[in-house]
Amino acid sequence: MPQSTEAAILTETGKPLSILPLEIPDLAPGQVLVDVAFSGLCHTQLLEIRGKRGPDRFLPHTLGHEGSGVVAAIGAGVAKIAPGDRVVLSWLKGEGADVPATVYQSGEMKINSGAISTFMRRTVTCENRVTSIPDALPLREAALLGCAIPTGAGVVRNTAGVGAGESVAIFGIGGIGQSAVLAAGFVEAGVVIAIDVVDSKLEQAQRLGATHLINAHEKDPLKTIMDITDGRGVDYSFEAAGIAQTMEVAFGCVRVGGGLCVLVGNLPFGERISIDPFDLIKGKKIVGSWGGESRPDKDIPFYAELYLAGKLKLEELITHSYPLDDINLGFDELEKGAVQRALIDMALS
């Protein structure tokens, strides 16, 4: 069993991550050791690094909540996977033992870790955060099944239950928004409107199946959506940008009498949105989503089979890959909107 690893550690919010060596503790019952191959970068982790999710009482700690890899070892009682299995790592809880925390040692410093951390070459996680995948599924694409796809596609399939011919508006075409566009396609939605401020992201949305594009810097999104839908509004809207004003517009654009707005993006700690309660009386609805209400042991194999059947274009979502040592550069470029879905590739140096 490997006794050490290297990880990107948050030692102070608002500061770059530090790359540190860690000693791997003995596995507790229910825990799993995974050699990480790929890990996804996302805005939720960015907010945490920048200190925009409120006080952080666990510093210093590991990060990363979606990835892929190969099981190196298992603790007592683990039954659903075995050493050598290829797996998706996810913050979403599946079946099996739930071991909520691990503590690593780096020299004299103790490093806290939750049940899932993927910004590291080897990670201690637990049985309910790993899901086996077919050998034919590349680990690079499989990393997206840890968060981006279950959340973005999940809000379409599970949270909203979008049906054939219905209309959707998707705000924010990053990894989550792109996944929602893909899902709108395979559930055969009619009108699929993509809204962003970056033309390259909108062009990507069009390649993935969006029927209408709106650059919010050039057109009023609410007015344009109403024009597209002949004043009716969309059946469903999904906000994946994590911006208060965008959330308000996403709620405003759904139809009276049953239109549903789903909030997926994360606002910085302390920010609020404002809505007119009379819109609720008129039958508009607004809900949040916890990971697209996905069930990893059921949904991840479903998406894996879609990919292997050529119906889920995972490879088109990935625009950048970085070595672990360049993780801070990856987050800087994500913050600037220069990347769509970026991965840390542990094989790069």
Foldseek 3Di string as FASTA:
>chain_A
DDFKWWFFKQQDAQDGTDIAMWTDDDDDAQKWKWQFFKFWDDVVVLLVNNCQADDDPQHTEAATFWFKTFTCQHHPPQDPDGGGFTKIFAPDFADTDADFWDWIDGPPDIYIYTQDHRRMRMDMHGNRRIEGADPPFDRVLLRCLRFLQLQLLLCCCPVQNDAAAFAEEEEDQFSSSLNVLLNCVVRHYNAYEYEEQDVVSQVLSVVSPHPYYYNVVVDPVQVVQCVVVVNFFGQEYEYAPQDQVVQASRQVRFGFARREYEYEHHHGPPDDHDYDCVSVVRPGYYYYDDSSPDHSNPVSRVVSVCVVVVSGPSVSNEDEEAASVCVSVVSVCVVVVNGRMYMHGPVDD
